[in-house]
Every structure is written in C-alpha cells, then in structure tokens.
C-alpha atoms as a PDB file:
ATOM      1  CA  MET A   1       5.448 158.400 162.089  1.00  0.00           C
ATOM      2  CA  ALA A   2       6.481 157.313 158.598  1.00  0.00           C
ATOM      3  CA  GLY A   3      10.047 158.440 159.199  1.00  0.00           C
ATOM      4  CA  ARG A   4      10.306 156.820 162.602  1.00  0.00           C
ATOM      5  CA  ALA A   5       8.817 153.585 161.281  1.00  0.00           C
ATOM      6  CA  MET A   6      11.968 153.101 159.203  1.00  0.00           C
ATOM      7  CA  MET A   7      14.079 152.588 162.326  1.00  0.00           C
ATOM      8  CA  LEU A   8      15.858 149.234 162.314  1.00  0.00           C
ATOM      9  CA  VAL A   9      14.955 147.226 165.397  1.00  0.00           C
ATOM     10  CA  ASN A  10      18.322 145.455 165.556  1.00  0.00           C
ATOM     11  CA  VAL A  11      20.313 148.686 165.391  1.00  0.00           C
ATOM     12  CA  GLY A  12      18.044 150.738 167.616  1.00  0.00           C
ATOM     13  CA  THR A  13      20.838 151.275 170.131  1.00  0.00           C
ATOM     14  CA  VAL A  14      23.089 152.584 167.358  1.00  0.00           C
ATOM     15  CA  ILE A  15      20.452 155.074 166.269  1.00  0.00           C
ATOM     16  CA  MET A  16      19.626 156.203 169.784  1.00  0.00           C
ATOM     17  CA  THR A  17      23.305 156.580 170.686  1.00  0.00           C
ATOM     18  CA  THR A  18      23.959 158.586 167.553  1.00  0.00           C
ATOM     19  CA  LEU A  19      20.876 160.763 167.476  1.00  0.00           C
ATOM     20  CA  THR A  20      20.601 161.369 171.233  1.00  0.00           C
ATOM     21  CA  LEU A  21      24.040 162.975 171.094  1.00  0.00           C
ATOM     22  CA  ALA A  22      23.371 164.781 167.805  1.00  0.00           C
ATOM     23  CA  SER A  23      21.825 167.785 169.526  1.00  0.00           C
ATOM     24  CA  LEU A  24      25.077 168.252 171.464  1.00  0.00           C
ATOM     25  CA  VAL A  25      27.272 168.249 168.383  1.00  0.00           C
ATOM     26  CA  ARG A  26      28.089 171.158 166.102  1.00  0.00           C
ATOM     27  CA  GLY A  27      29.354 170.478 162.613  1.00  0.00           C
ATOM     28  CA  PHE A  28      27.524 167.164 162.415  1.00  0.00           C
ATOM     29  CA  GLY A  29      25.803 166.011 159.218  1.00  0.00           C
ATOM     30  CA  VAL A  30      24.910 162.856 157.290  1.00  0.00           C
ATOM     31  CA  ASN A  31      25.379 161.415 153.818  1.00  0.00           C
ATOM     32  CA  TRP A  32      22.135 160.752 151.958  1.00  0.00           C
ATOM     33  CA  GLY A  33      22.606 158.116 149.267  1.00  0.00           C
ATOM     34  CA  ASN A  34      19.972 156.539 147.021  1.00  0.00           C
ATOM     35  CA  ILE A  35      21.491 153.320 145.638  1.00  0.00           C
ATOM     36  CA  ALA A  36      18.446 151.366 146.790  1.00  0.00           C
ATOM     37  CA  SER A  37      15.790 149.160 145.224  1.00  0.00           C
ATOM     38  CA  HIS A  38      13.077 151.216 146.925  1.00  0.00           C
ATOM     39  CA  PRO A  39      14.442 154.708 147.662  1.00  0.00           C
ATOM     40  CA  LEU A  40      12.468 156.565 150.275  1.00  0.00           C
ATOM     41  CA  ASN A  41      10.391 159.514 149.164  1.00  0.00           C
ATOM     42  CA  PRO A  42      12.584 162.607 149.777  1.00  0.00           C
ATOM     43  CA  ASP A  43       9.734 164.166 151.778  1.00  0.00           C
ATOM     44  CA  ILE A  44      10.027 161.295 154.265  1.00  0.00           C
ATOM     45  CA  VAL A  45      13.815 161.559 154.460  1.00  0.00           C
ATOM     46  CA  VAL A  46      13.726 165.315 155.063  1.00  0.00           C
ATOM     47  CA  ARG A  47      11.121 164.792 157.795  1.00  0.00           C
ATOM     48  CA  MET A  48      13.380 162.172 159.391  1.00  0.00           C
ATOM     49  CA  LEU A  49      16.312 164.589 159.274  1.00  0.00           C
ATOM     50  CA  LYS A  50      14.217 167.306 160.911  1.00  0.00           C
ATOM     51  CA  ASP A  51      12.775 164.954 163.544  1.00  0.00           C
ATOM     52  CA  ASN A  52      16.290 163.964 164.535  1.00  0.00           C
ATOM     53  CA  LYS A  53      17.636 167.530 164.548  1.00  0.00           C
ATOM     54  CA  ILE A  54      20.109 166.909 161.731  1.00  0.00           C
ATOM     55  CA  ASN A  55      20.587 170.124 159.750  1.00  0.00           C
ATOM     56  CA  LYS A  56      23.453 169.219 157.417  1.00  0.00           C
ATOM     57  CA  VAL A  57      23.326 166.765 154.539  1.00  0.00           C
ATOM     58  CA  LYS A  58      25.760 165.596 151.876  1.00  0.00           C
ATOM     59  CA  LEU A  59      24.397 164.410 148.518  1.00  0.00           C
ATOM     60  CA  PHE A  60      26.061 162.452 145.727  1.00  0.00           C
ATOM     61  CA  ASP A  61      24.188 164.208 142.918  1.00  0.00           C
ATOM     62  CA  ALA A  62      21.787 167.095 142.380  1.00  0.00           C
ATOM     63  CA  HIS A  63      18.520 165.287 141.669  1.00  0.00           C
ATOM     64  CA  SER A  64      15.773 167.872 141.306  1.00  0.00           C
ATOM     65  CA  TRP A  65      13.268 166.014 143.503  1.00  0.00           C
ATOM     66  CA  THR A  66      15.745 165.851 146.371  1.00  0.00           C
ATOM     67  CA  MET A  67      16.869 169.459 145.919  1.00  0.00           C
ATOM     68  CA  ASN A  68      13.333 170.798 145.742  1.00  0.00           C
ATOM     69  CA  THR A  69      12.432 168.881 148.894  1.00  0.00           C
ATOM     70  CA  LEU A  70      15.369 170.502 150.711  1.00  0.00           C
ATOM     71  CA  ALA A  71      14.252 173.977 149.585  1.00  0.00           C
ATOM     72  CA  GLY A  72      13.086 176.152 152.433  1.00  0.00           C
ATOM     73  CA  THR A  73      14.411 173.838 155.164  1.00  0.00           C
ATOM     74  CA  GLY A  74      17.532 175.890 155.897  1.00  0.00           C
ATOM     75  CA  MET A  75      19.606 172.691 156.018  1.00  0.00           C
ATOM     76  CA  GLU A  76      23.199 173.074 154.891  1.00  0.00           C
ATOM     77  CA  VAL A  77      23.715 171.027 151.739  1.00  0.00           C
ATOM     78  CA  MET A  78      26.807 169.631 150.052  1.00  0.00           C
ATOM     79  CA  VAL A  79      25.617 168.877 146.538  1.00  0.00           C
ATOM     80  CA  GLY A  80      27.533 166.290 144.513  1.00  0.00           C
ATOM     81  CA  ILE A  81      28.806 165.912 140.964  1.00  0.00           C
ATOM     82  CA  PRO A  82      29.160 162.224 139.957  1.00  0.00           C
ATOM     83  CA  ASN A  83      32.473 161.020 138.556  1.00  0.00           C
ATOM     84  CA  ASN A  84      30.897 160.252 135.171  1.00  0.00           C
ATOM     85  CA  LEU A  85      30.397 163.993 134.597  1.00  0.00           C
ATOM     86  CA  LEU A  86      33.999 164.990 135.285  1.00  0.00           C
ATOM     87  CA  GLU A  87      35.215 164.553 131.703  1.00  0.00           C
ATOM     88  CA  SER A  88      32.552 166.794 130.161  1.00  0.00           C
ATOM     89  CA  LEU A  89      33.041 169.441 132.859  1.00  0.00           C
ATOM     90  CA  ALA A  90      36.811 169.344 132.348  1.00  0.00           C
ATOM     91  CA  GLU A  91      36.695 169.553 128.553  1.00  0.00           C
ATOM     92  CA  ASP A  92      34.297 172.474 128.153  1.00  0.00           C
ATOM     93  CA  TYR A  93      33.792 175.415 130.494  1.00  0.00           C
ATOM     94  CA  GLU A  94      30.326 175.935 129.010  1.00  0.00           C
ATOM     95  CA  ASN A  95      29.321 172.552 130.406  1.00  0.00           C
ATOM     96  CA  ALA A  96      30.437 173.681 133.860  1.00  0.00           C
ATOM     97  CA  LYS A  97      28.466 176.909 133.484  1.00  0.00           C
ATOM     98  CA  ASP A  98      25.379 174.957 132.472  1.00  0.00           C
ATOM     99  CA  TRP A  99      25.767 172.570 135.408  1.00  0.00           C
ATOM    100  CA  VAL A 100      26.033 175.451 137.874  1.00  0.00           C
ATOM    101  CA  LYS A 101      23.056 177.235 136.296  1.00  0.00           C
ATOM    102  CA  GLU A 102      20.837 174.137 136.456  1.00  0.00           C
ATOM    103  CA  ASN A 103      21.966 172.663 139.779  1.00  0.00           C
ATOM    104  CA  VAL A 104      23.047 175.638 141.867  1.00  0.00           C
ATOM    105  CA  THR A 105      21.720 178.957 140.576  1.00  0.00           C
ATOM    106  CA  ALA A 106      18.239 177.483 140.069  1.00  0.00           C
ATOM    107  CA  TYR A 107      17.986 176.965 143.834  1.00  0.00           C
ATOM    108  CA  MET A 108      19.583 180.235 144.960  1.00  0.00           C
ATOM    109  CA  ARG A 109      16.308 182.031 145.579  1.00  0.00           C
ATOM    110  CA  LYS A 110      14.344 183.138 148.599  1.00  0.00           C
ATOM    111  CA  GLY A 111      13.161 179.936 150.205  1.00  0.00           C
ATOM    112  CA  GLY A 112      15.624 177.944 148.107  1.00  0.00           C
ATOM    113  CA  VAL A 113      18.372 175.479 149.036  1.00  0.00           C
ATOM    114  CA  ASN A 114      21.155 176.433 151.443  1.00  0.00           C
ATOM    115  CA  ILE A 115      24.035 175.056 149.369  1.00  0.00           C
ATOM    116  CA  LYS A 116      27.271 175.252 151.351  1.00  0.00           C
ATOM    117  CA  TYR A 117      29.581 173.072 149.252  1.00  0.00           C
ATOM    118  CA  VAL A 118      29.796 171.602 145.757  1.00  0.00           C
ATOM    119  CA  ALA A 119      31.558 168.232 145.751  1.00  0.00           C
ATOM    120  CA  VAL A 120      33.380 167.713 142.438  1.00  0.00           C
ATOM    121  CA  GLY A 121      33.490 163.943 142.004  1.00  0.00           C
ATOM    122  CA  ASN A 122      33.576 161.313 144.720  1.00  0.00           C
ATOM    123  CA  GLU A 123      36.859 159.622 145.653  1.00  0.00           C
ATOM    124  CA  PRO A 124      38.094 160.059 142.056  1.00  0.00           C
ATOM    125  CA  PHE A 125      41.666 158.947 142.851  1.00  0.00           C
ATOM    126  CA  LEU A 126      40.674 155.669 144.451  1.00  0.00           C
ATOM    127  CA  SER A 127      43.329 153.165 143.399  1.00  0.00           C
ATOM    128  CA  ALA A 128      40.614 150.780 142.191  1.00  0.00           C
ATOM    129  CA  TYR A 129      39.786 153.286 139.421  1.00  0.00           C
ATOM    130  CA  ASN A 130      43.278 152.830 137.941  1.00  0.00           C
ATOM    131  CA  GLY A 131      43.708 156.525 137.196  1.00  0.00           C
ATOM    132  CA  SER A 132      40.457 156.842 135.222  1.00  0.00           C
ATOM    133  CA  PHE A 133      39.733 160.306 136.630  1.00  0.00           C
ATOM    134  CA  LEU A 134      43.285 161.515 137.236  1.00  0.00           C
ATOM    135  CA  GLU A 135      43.393 163.813 134.202  1.00  0.00           C
ATOM    136  CA  THR A 136      39.862 165.217 134.461  1.00  0.00           C
ATOM    137  CA  THR A 137      39.235 165.910 138.160  1.00  0.00           C
ATOM    138  CA  PHE A 138      41.398 169.002 138.595  1.00  0.00           C
ATOM    139  CA  PRO A 139      40.264 170.699 135.335  1.00  0.00           C
ATOM    140  CA  ALA A 140      36.643 169.960 136.307  1.00  0.00           C
ATOM    141  CA  LEU A 141      37.233 171.517 139.731  1.00  0.00           C
ATOM    142  CA  LYS A 142      38.734 174.649 138.183  1.00  0.00           C
ATOM    143  CA  ASN A 143      35.840 175.038 135.754  1.00  0.00           C
ATOM    144  CA  ILE A 144      33.203 174.534 138.452  1.00  0.00           C
ATOM    145  CA  HIS A 145      34.928 177.016 140.753  1.00  0.00           C
ATOM    146  CA  LYS A 146      35.172 179.529 137.907  1.00  0.00           C
ATOM    147  CA  ALA A 147      31.481 179.045 137.055  1.00  0.00           C
ATOM    148  CA  LEU A 148      30.463 179.460 140.707  1.00  0.00           C
ATOM    149  CA  LYS A 149      32.545 182.620 140.922  1.00  0.00           C
ATOM    150  CA  GLU A 150      31.148 184.029 137.671  1.00  0.00           C
ATOM    151  CA  ALA A 151      27.608 183.358 138.930  1.00  0.00           C
ATOM    152  CA  GLY A 152      28.358 185.214 142.172  1.00  0.00           C
ATOM    153  CA  HIS A 153      28.094 182.186 144.459  1.00  0.00           C
ATOM    154  CA  THR A 154      31.589 181.842 145.924  1.00  0.00           C
ATOM    155  CA  ASP A 155      30.772 184.085 148.873  1.00  0.00           C
ATOM    156  CA  LYS A 156      28.112 181.548 149.907  1.00  0.00           C
ATOM    157  CA  MET A 157      29.632 178.175 148.982  1.00  0.00           C
ATOM    158  CA  LYS A 158      32.910 176.395 148.289  1.00  0.00           C
ATOM    159  CA  ALA A 159      33.920 173.749 145.778  1.00  0.00           C
ATOM    160  CA  THR A 160      35.794 170.712 147.085  1.00  0.00           C
ATOM    161  CA  ILE A 161      36.755 167.154 146.099  1.00  0.00           C
ATOM    162  CA  PRO A 162      35.866 164.321 148.491  1.00  0.00           C
ATOM    163  CA  GLN A 163      38.937 162.078 148.499  1.00  0.00           C
ATOM    164  CA  ASN A 164      39.437 158.646 149.978  1.00  0.00           C
ATOM    165  CA  ALA A 165      42.093 158.617 152.705  1.00  0.00           C
ATOM    166  CA  GLU A 166      44.255 156.352 150.559  1.00  0.00           C
ATOM    167  CA  VAL A 167      45.440 159.391 148.557  1.00  0.00           C
ATOM    168  CA  TYR A 168      48.010 159.831 151.337  1.00  0.00           C
ATOM    169  CA  GLN A 169      50.036 157.295 153.265  1.00  0.00           C
ATOM    170  CA  SER A 170      52.833 156.793 155.764  1.00  0.00           C
ATOM    171  CA  ALA A 171      55.711 154.394 155.225  1.00  0.00           C
ATOM    172  CA  ASN A 172      55.927 153.457 158.913  1.00  0.00           C
ATOM    173  CA  ASP A 173      52.311 154.211 160.023  1.00  0.00           C
ATOM    174  CA  LYS A 174      53.416 157.326 161.901  1.00  0.00           C
ATOM    175  CA  PRO A 175      51.509 160.493 160.954  1.00  0.00           C
ATOM    176  CA  SER A 176      54.698 162.552 160.688  1.00  0.00           C
ATOM    177  CA  GLU A 177      55.803 160.380 157.765  1.00  0.00           C
ATOM    178  CA  GLY A 178      52.628 161.178 155.846  1.00  0.00           C
ATOM    179  CA  ASP A 179      52.759 162.216 152.200  1.00  0.00           C
ATOM    180  CA  PHE A 180      50.548 162.000 149.146  1.00  0.00           C
ATOM    181  CA  ARG A 181      50.566 158.714 147.244  1.00  0.00           C
ATOM    182  CA  SER A 182      53.305 158.743 144.637  1.00  0.00           C
ATOM    183  CA  ASP A 183      51.072 158.038 141.614  1.00  0.00           C
ATOM    184  CA  VAL A 184      48.763 160.980 142.396  1.00  0.00           C
ATOM    185  CA  LYS A 185      51.193 163.292 144.173  1.00  0.00           C
ATOM    186  CA  LYS A 186      51.754 165.767 141.333  1.00  0.00           C
ATOM    187  CA  THR A 187      48.023 166.233 140.781  1.00  0.00           C
ATOM    188  CA  MET A 188      47.288 166.364 144.506  1.00  0.00           C
ATOM    189  CA  LEU A 189      49.870 169.122 144.967  1.00  0.00           C
ATOM    190  CA  ASP A 190      48.217 171.096 142.154  1.00  0.00           C
ATOM    191  CA  ILE A 191      44.814 170.593 143.772  1.00  0.00           C
ATOM    192  CA  VAL A 192      45.786 171.518 147.327  1.00  0.00           C
ATOM    193  CA  ASN A 193      47.609 174.629 146.131  1.00  0.00           C
ATOM    194  CA  PHE A 194      44.485 175.620 144.193  1.00  0.00           C
ATOM    195  CA  PHE A 195      42.444 174.981 147.339  1.00  0.00           C
ATOM    196  CA  HIS A 196      44.829 177.165 149.326  1.00  0.00           C
ATOM    197  CA  ASP A 197      44.836 180.011 146.805  1.00  0.00           C
ATOM    198  CA  ASN A 198      41.023 180.061 146.679  1.00  0.00           C
ATOM    199  CA  ASP A 199      40.221 179.317 150.332  1.00  0.00           C
ATOM    200  CA  LEU A 200      38.626 175.941 149.547  1.00  0.00           C
ATOM    201  CA  PRO A 201      38.439 173.015 152.007  1.00  0.00           C
ATOM    202  CA  PHE A 202      40.018 169.568 151.744  1.00  0.00           C
ATOM    203  CA  THR A 203      37.379 166.843 152.091  1.00  0.00           C
ATOM    204  CA  VAL A 204      38.466 163.338 153.098  1.00  0.00           C
ATOM    205  CA  ASN A 205      36.619 160.095 153.811  1.00  0.00           C
ATOM    206  CA  ILE A 206      38.073 158.139 156.741  1.00  0.00           C
ATOM    207  CA  TYR A 207      36.851 154.640 157.645  1.00  0.00           C
ATOM    208  CA  PRO A 208      38.369 152.991 160.728  1.00  0.00           C
ATOM    209  CA  PHE A 209      36.220 149.915 159.990  1.00  0.00           C
ATOM    210  CA  LEU A 210      38.072 149.362 156.716  1.00  0.00           C
ATOM    211  CA  SER A 211      41.380 149.300 158.564  1.00  0.00           C
ATOM    212  CA  LEU A 212      40.022 146.295 160.443  1.00  0.00           C
ATOM    213  CA  TYR A 213      38.476 144.712 157.368  1.00  0.00           C
ATOM    214  CA  LEU A 214      41.569 144.978 155.182  1.00  0.00           C
ATOM    215  CA  ASN A 215      44.073 143.736 157.764  1.00  0.00           C
ATOM    216  CA  GLU A 216      43.282 140.699 159.905  1.00  0.00           C
ATOM    217  CA  HIS A 217      46.180 141.619 162.189  1.00  0.00           C
ATOM    218  CA  PHE A 218      44.957 145.177 162.795  1.00  0.00           C
ATOM    219  CA  PRO A 219      44.439 145.759 166.560  1.00  0.00           C
ATOM    220  CA  VAL A 220      40.655 145.942 167.047  1.00  0.00           C
ATOM    221  CA  GLU A 221      40.677 148.518 169.856  1.00  0.00           C
ATOM    222  CA  PHE A 222      42.716 150.929 167.718  1.00  0.00           C
ATOM    223  CA  ALA A 223      39.601 151.377 165.542  1.00  0.00           C
ATOM    224  CA  PHE A 224      37.641 152.952 168.412  1.00  0.00           C
ATOM    225  CA  PHE A 225      37.808 156.102 170.522  1.00  0.00           C
ATOM    226  CA  ASP A 226      37.836 154.785 174.081  1.00  0.00           C
ATOM    227  CA  GLY A 227      41.605 154.965 174.515  1.00  0.00           C
ATOM    228  CA  LYS A 228      42.162 151.209 174.800  1.00  0.00           C
ATOM    229  CA  GLY A 229      44.308 150.974 171.694  1.00  0.00           C
ATOM    230  CA  GLU A 230      48.073 150.679 172.080  1.00  0.00           C
ATOM    231  CA  SER A 231      49.471 154.186 171.826  1.00  0.00           C
ATOM    232  CA  ILE A 232      51.790 155.198 168.986  1.00  0.00           C
ATOM    233  CA  PRO A 233      54.205 157.997 169.954  1.00  0.00           C
ATOM    234  CA  ASP A 234      55.134 160.443 167.222  1.00  0.00           C
ATOM    235  CA  LYS A 235      57.050 163.694 167.681  1.00  0.00           C
ATOM    236  CA  GLY A 236      55.635 164.443 171.111  1.00  0.00           C
ATOM    237  CA  LYS A 237      52.084 163.351 170.257  1.00  0.00           C
ATOM    238  CA  ASN A 238      50.448 160.055 171.196  1.00  0.00           C
ATOM    239  CA  TYR A 239      47.912 158.243 169.021  1.00  0.00           C
ATOM    240  CA  ASP A 240      45.583 155.663 170.566  1.00  0.00           C
ATOM    241  CA  ASN A 241      43.112 155.369 167.675  1.00  0.00           C
ATOM    242  CA  VAL A 242      43.342 155.090 163.900  1.00  0.00           C
ATOM    243  CA  PHE A 243      41.099 158.075 163.169  1.00  0.00           C
ATOM    244  CA  ASP A 244      43.444 160.535 164.877  1.00  0.00           C
ATOM    245  CA  ALA A 245      46.470 158.925 163.240  1.00  0.00           C
ATOM    246  CA  ASN A 246      44.843 158.996 159.799  1.00  0.00           C
ATOM    247  CA  TYR A 247      43.628 162.590 160.088  1.00  0.00           C
ATOM    248  CA  ASP A 248      47.002 163.850 161.274  1.00  0.00           C
ATOM    249  CA  THR A 249      48.740 161.931 158.485  1.00  0.00           C
ATOM    250  CA  LEU A 250      46.762 164.205 156.144  1.00  0.00           C
ATOM    251  CA  VAL A 251      47.774 167.264 158.174  1.00  0.00           C
ATOM    252  CA  TYR A 252      51.435 166.290 157.814  1.00  0.00           C
ATOM    253  CA  SER A 253      50.954 165.606 154.092  1.00  0.00           C
ATOM    254  CA  LEU A 254      49.568 169.103 153.663  1.00  0.00           C
ATOM    255  CA  LYS A 255      52.448 170.562 155.683  1.00  0.00           C
ATOM    256  CA  LYS A 256      54.925 168.877 153.340  1.00  0.00           C
ATOM    257  CA  ALA A 257      53.092 170.603 150.505  1.00  0.00           C
ATOM    258  CA  GLY A 258      53.696 173.924 152.266  1.00  0.00           C
ATOM    259  CA  ILE A 259      50.135 174.269 153.575  1.00  0.00           C
ATOM    260  CA  LYS A 260      49.641 174.562 157.322  1.00  0.00           C
ATOM    261  CA  ASP A 261      46.121 175.801 157.947  1.00  0.00           C
ATOM    262  CA  MET A 262      43.737 174.361 155.349  1.00  0.00           C
ATOM    263  CA  LYS A 263      40.235 173.545 156.532  1.00  0.00           C
ATOM    264  CA  ILE A 264      39.576 169.793 156.544  1.00  0.00           C
ATOM    265  CA  ILE A 265      36.099 168.257 156.283  1.00  0.00           C
ATOM    266  CA  ILE A 266      35.374 164.606 157.064  1.00  0.00           C
ATOM    267  CA  GLY A 267      33.110 163.790 154.131  1.00  0.00           C
ATOM    268  CA  GLU A 268      32.335 160.231 155.231  1.00  0.00           C
ATOM    269  CA  ILE A 269      32.854 158.242 158.406  1.00  0.00           C
ATOM    270  CA  GLY A 270      30.760 155.429 159.830  1.00  0.00           C
ATOM    271  CA  TRP A 271      30.425 151.796 160.827  1.00  0.00           C
ATOM    272  CA  PRO A 272      28.337 149.080 159.134  1.00  0.00           C
ATOM    273  CA  THR A 273      25.928 146.867 161.073  1.00  0.00           C
ATOM    274  CA  ASP A 274      26.023 143.657 159.011  1.00  0.00           C
ATOM    275  CA  GLY A 275      28.058 141.793 156.378  1.00  0.00           C
ATOM    276  CA  HIS A 276      31.277 141.061 158.323  1.00  0.00           C
ATOM    277  CA  LYS A 277      32.294 139.694 161.707  1.00  0.00           C
ATOM    278  CA  HIS A 278      33.144 143.229 162.875  1.00  0.00           C
ATOM    279  CA  ALA A 279      30.082 144.798 161.223  1.00  0.00           C
ATOM    280  CA  THR A 280      27.631 144.431 164.098  1.00  0.00           C
ATOM    281  CA  PRO A 281      25.154 146.723 165.863  1.00  0.00           C
ATOM    282  CA  LYS A 282      27.157 146.387 169.079  1.00  0.00           C
ATOM    283  CA  LEU A 283      30.428 147.554 167.518  1.00  0.00           C
ATOM    284  CA  ALA A 284      28.635 150.248 165.520  1.00  0.00           C
ATOM    285  CA  GLU A 285      27.146 151.548 168.763  1.00  0.00           C
ATOM    286  CA  LYS A 286      30.599 151.569 170.355  1.00  0.00           C
ATOM    287  CA  PHE A 287      32.091 153.431 167.408  1.00  0.00           C
ATOM    288  CA  TYR A 288      29.355 156.060 167.155  1.00  0.00           C
ATOM    289  CA  ALA A 289      29.295 156.618 170.919  1.00  0.00           C
ATOM    290  CA  GLY A 290      33.016 157.382 170.878  1.00  0.00           C
ATOM    291  CA  LEU A 291      32.810 159.513 167.747  1.00  0.00           C
ATOM    292  CA  MET A 292      29.852 161.588 168.925  1.00  0.00           C
ATOM    293  CA  LYS A 293      31.466 162.125 172.331  1.00  0.00           C
ATOM    294  CA  ARG A 294      34.614 163.284 170.552  1.00  0.00           C
ATOM    295  CA  LEU A 295      32.615 165.690 168.385  1.00  0.00           C
ATOM    296  CA  ALA A 296      30.591 167.011 171.312  1.00  0.00           C
ATOM    297  CA  GLU A 297      33.747 167.763 173.295  1.00  0.00           C
ATOM    298  CA  GLU A 298      35.308 169.512 170.267  1.00  0.00           C
ATOM    299  CA  GLU A 299      38.745 168.184 171.173  1.00  0.00           C
ATOM    300  CA  GLY A 300      39.855 167.370 167.623  1.00  0.00           C
ATOM    301  CA  THR A 301      43.093 165.464 167.037  1.00  0.00           C
ATOM    302  CA  PRO A 302      46.570 165.754 168.583  1.00  0.00           C
ATOM    303  CA  LEU A 303      47.810 168.051 165.783  1.00  0.00           C
ATOM    304  CA  ARG A 304      44.527 169.942 165.430  1.00  0.00           C
ATOM    305  CA  PRO A 305      42.729 170.164 168.778  1.00  0.00           C
ATOM    306  CA  GLU A 306      39.666 171.915 167.370  1.00  0.00           C
ATOM    307  CA  ARG A 307      36.087 171.300 166.296  1.00  0.00           C
ATOM    308  CA  LEU A 308      35.722 168.793 163.483  1.00  0.00           C
ATOM    309  CA  GLU A 309      33.207 169.070 160.651  1.00  0.00           C
ATOM    310  CA  VAL A 310      31.876 165.579 159.970  1.00  0.00           C
ATOM    311  CA  TYR A 311      29.306 163.842 157.765  1.00  0.00           C
ATOM    312  CA  LEU A 312      28.306 160.360 158.923  1.00  0.00           C
ATOM    313  CA  PHE A 313      28.025 157.624 156.336  1.00  0.00           C
ATOM    314  CA  GLY A 314      25.318 157.005 156.048  1.00  0.00           C
ATOM    315  CA  PHE A 315      21.814 158.005 156.945  1.00  0.00           C
ATOM    316  CA  LEU A 316      20.169 155.082 155.139  1.00  0.00           C
ATOM    317  CA  ASP A 317      21.086 151.534 154.150  1.00  0.00           C
ATOM    318  CA  GLU A 318      21.470 151.127 150.372  1.00  0.00           C
ATOM    319  CA  ASP A 319      20.585 147.615 149.250  1.00  0.00           C
ATOM    320  CA  MET A 320      21.703 148.021 145.632  1.00  0.00           C
ATOM    321  CA  LYS A 321      25.292 149.057 146.322  1.00  0.00           C
ATOM    322  CA  SER A 322      28.019 146.885 144.865  1.00  0.00           C
ATOM    323  CA  ILE A 323      29.237 144.247 147.293  1.00  0.00           C
ATOM    324  CA  MET A 324      32.599 143.870 145.552  1.00  0.00           C
ATOM    325  CA  PRO A 325      34.329 145.578 148.512  1.00  0.00           C
ATOM    326  CA  GLY A 326      32.312 143.313 150.843  1.00  0.00           C
ATOM    327  CA  PRO A 327      28.692 142.511 151.833  1.00  0.00           C
ATOM    328  CA  PHE A 328      28.866 145.227 154.495  1.00  0.00           C
ATOM    329  CA  GLU A 329      28.611 147.879 151.748  1.00  0.00           C
ATOM    330  CA  ARG A 330      24.823 147.619 151.895  1.00  0.00           C
ATOM    331  CA  HIS A 331      24.643 148.151 155.665  1.00  0.00           C
ATOM    332  CA  TRP A 332      26.213 151.519 156.482  1.00  0.00           C
ATOM    333  CA  GLY A 333      22.955 153.240 157.388  1.00  0.00           C
ATOM    334  CA  ILE A 334      21.790 154.275 160.834  1.00  0.00           C
ATOM    335  CA  PHE A 335      18.308 153.838 159.317  1.00  0.00           C
ATOM    336  CA  ARG A 336      17.076 151.183 156.889  1.00  0.00           C
END
C-alpha cells in the first residue's frame, strides 16, 4: 500500500498506460534518481518496482542502501559512476580497482545484486559542460573495464557511457547525414572503437520532448509515435517521428565510424507532466502509449527493425533537480 499511495492522482492515466503495458514489453526498465528533498526509502521503491512488474533499473550512483535493497531481487541493474569521479578514475588505475571492489565485487555473491551494466559518467559530453569531462571520460572507461575484467566480471556485465543524443547531429535533419559532433568526434571515435573491440554497448539518452521545448517551430506530432507527423524520406526509409530519426542518425554515425552492428541501449526517454505548455499528463499519456506499443511490438526503427532496450526517465519525480533547463526538470516521474 505504501508504494501505491505514491501514485499521482493527476497523472494516473500516464501511470496506468505505462504500467499496464509493461508486462507486455521485454527490455523495459526505469531510471531511479534521488535528487529529492524527501527521497523514498529504497525498500518502498523496490516494492513499487516489484508490484508493477518492472525488473530492470538504472541508477546514477552506487549508494550502499540502494544496492543492498536490490540484493536478492534478481532485478537487472545498471549501476552509475557520477561525473565527479571520472578524473580520479582516469588518473589512477588503483582508484578504478577500488571502485569496482567496493561497488561491484562486494555485491557479486549468492543473493547479491544482478549488475548488468556499469555506466561510466552521465552525459559527460553535454555541450553545457564545455568540455569539462572530455579528457577524463575515455581513460576512466578503460580503467573501469580493465578492473572489471581483472575481477572476473566482464562475462556478467558490460561497461558503457550514457551519452546525450547531442553528441551526434545531422546537417539537414536526415539520419543519413548523421555524424558525431565535431568538437567531440575524435574522442567519440576512440570510444566507439573501444566499445566495438570489447563488445560493449552504446548508451544514448533521447528526449523527443526536448525537441519540442527547444524549437517553437518543431512540428508537435513529430514528437509522438502515432504516425501523424509529416514523413521525412531518406534513402528509401520514411521517418514520421523524431525518435526514429534520432536513433537512426546514431546508427548512421556509427556506420561512418566503420561500425555496423553495435548494440544500442536507450538509457533515458520520457515525458514530463508539468512545467511547460507541452509538459502535461495528457501528452505524457500519449507519448508513453505510443512508446510502449512500439516496444511491445518489437518493431524497432527503419534502419534497425528489432527489439529495443529502453529505460524510462524516470520512475520518480525529483523536486530538487536544477530547473536551469526548465521547470519541467522536476516532473519527469511516472510516480511522485
């Protein structure tokens, strides 16, 4: 009852749309953030996840209380390394070994945590960071991967770097013109080749809502999945929504780097319910209904018609998040 009591009345339709379809969807998980004035007890959150048949969760750190609560649940976990740790992990391999020992190996026991991925940083090449993490992210990734391998964990889990979709772009908005952003291209090519050589996935955060928010002339229907957006033809494929176009822009960017078959994970995708004229429960319901239907049908995108692995953002509202991007930042949750 405690978990269910947290359901927001004004977004009840969003929750029911999302969670009713959850049992039909493979590869479906949620982001669990804690930038809140009154974070929920992890026991309550885990019970909510179980009650709603969600068995995959993405974290932004490796807090011991959260990790211990997830122990024995069998849920697949992507554990996170905050950006402020990247420098120390990059500079000294011993620091990476210690991090893996304390935050991974400590939970690799019978009845422990089912860690599937280790996320090295979070959107470290976001343009707003002005290159702050450009020199440390890749070395940190290599050290974490090496430490995981040395500890014998790489047969069970993979390292990755959740990137914002702005690390690639298209000059004319057509996916086939996609390429990595010029100021990060050299480092991104090093990273994706390292991913390829070590069978690691590319994780990307895609937000159709932000396309609307950042461009007042953006066609509203192109943000959704119901096929009402004006179609963009591109090399024999047609794109009627921004998610497909964005995802396939990444696929083309990888192809230009000589990589054709890398696994792609959607680390974050969602729709806020307040804080902007387009951030409403009604539009969130529309977005999630289309997304969950897409996931349930496993139809993928025009270039990759296959099952997608997706983590919704987010499971809970976070009322202490910065509102510099916009007031909606505190209202991404499908639960309060």
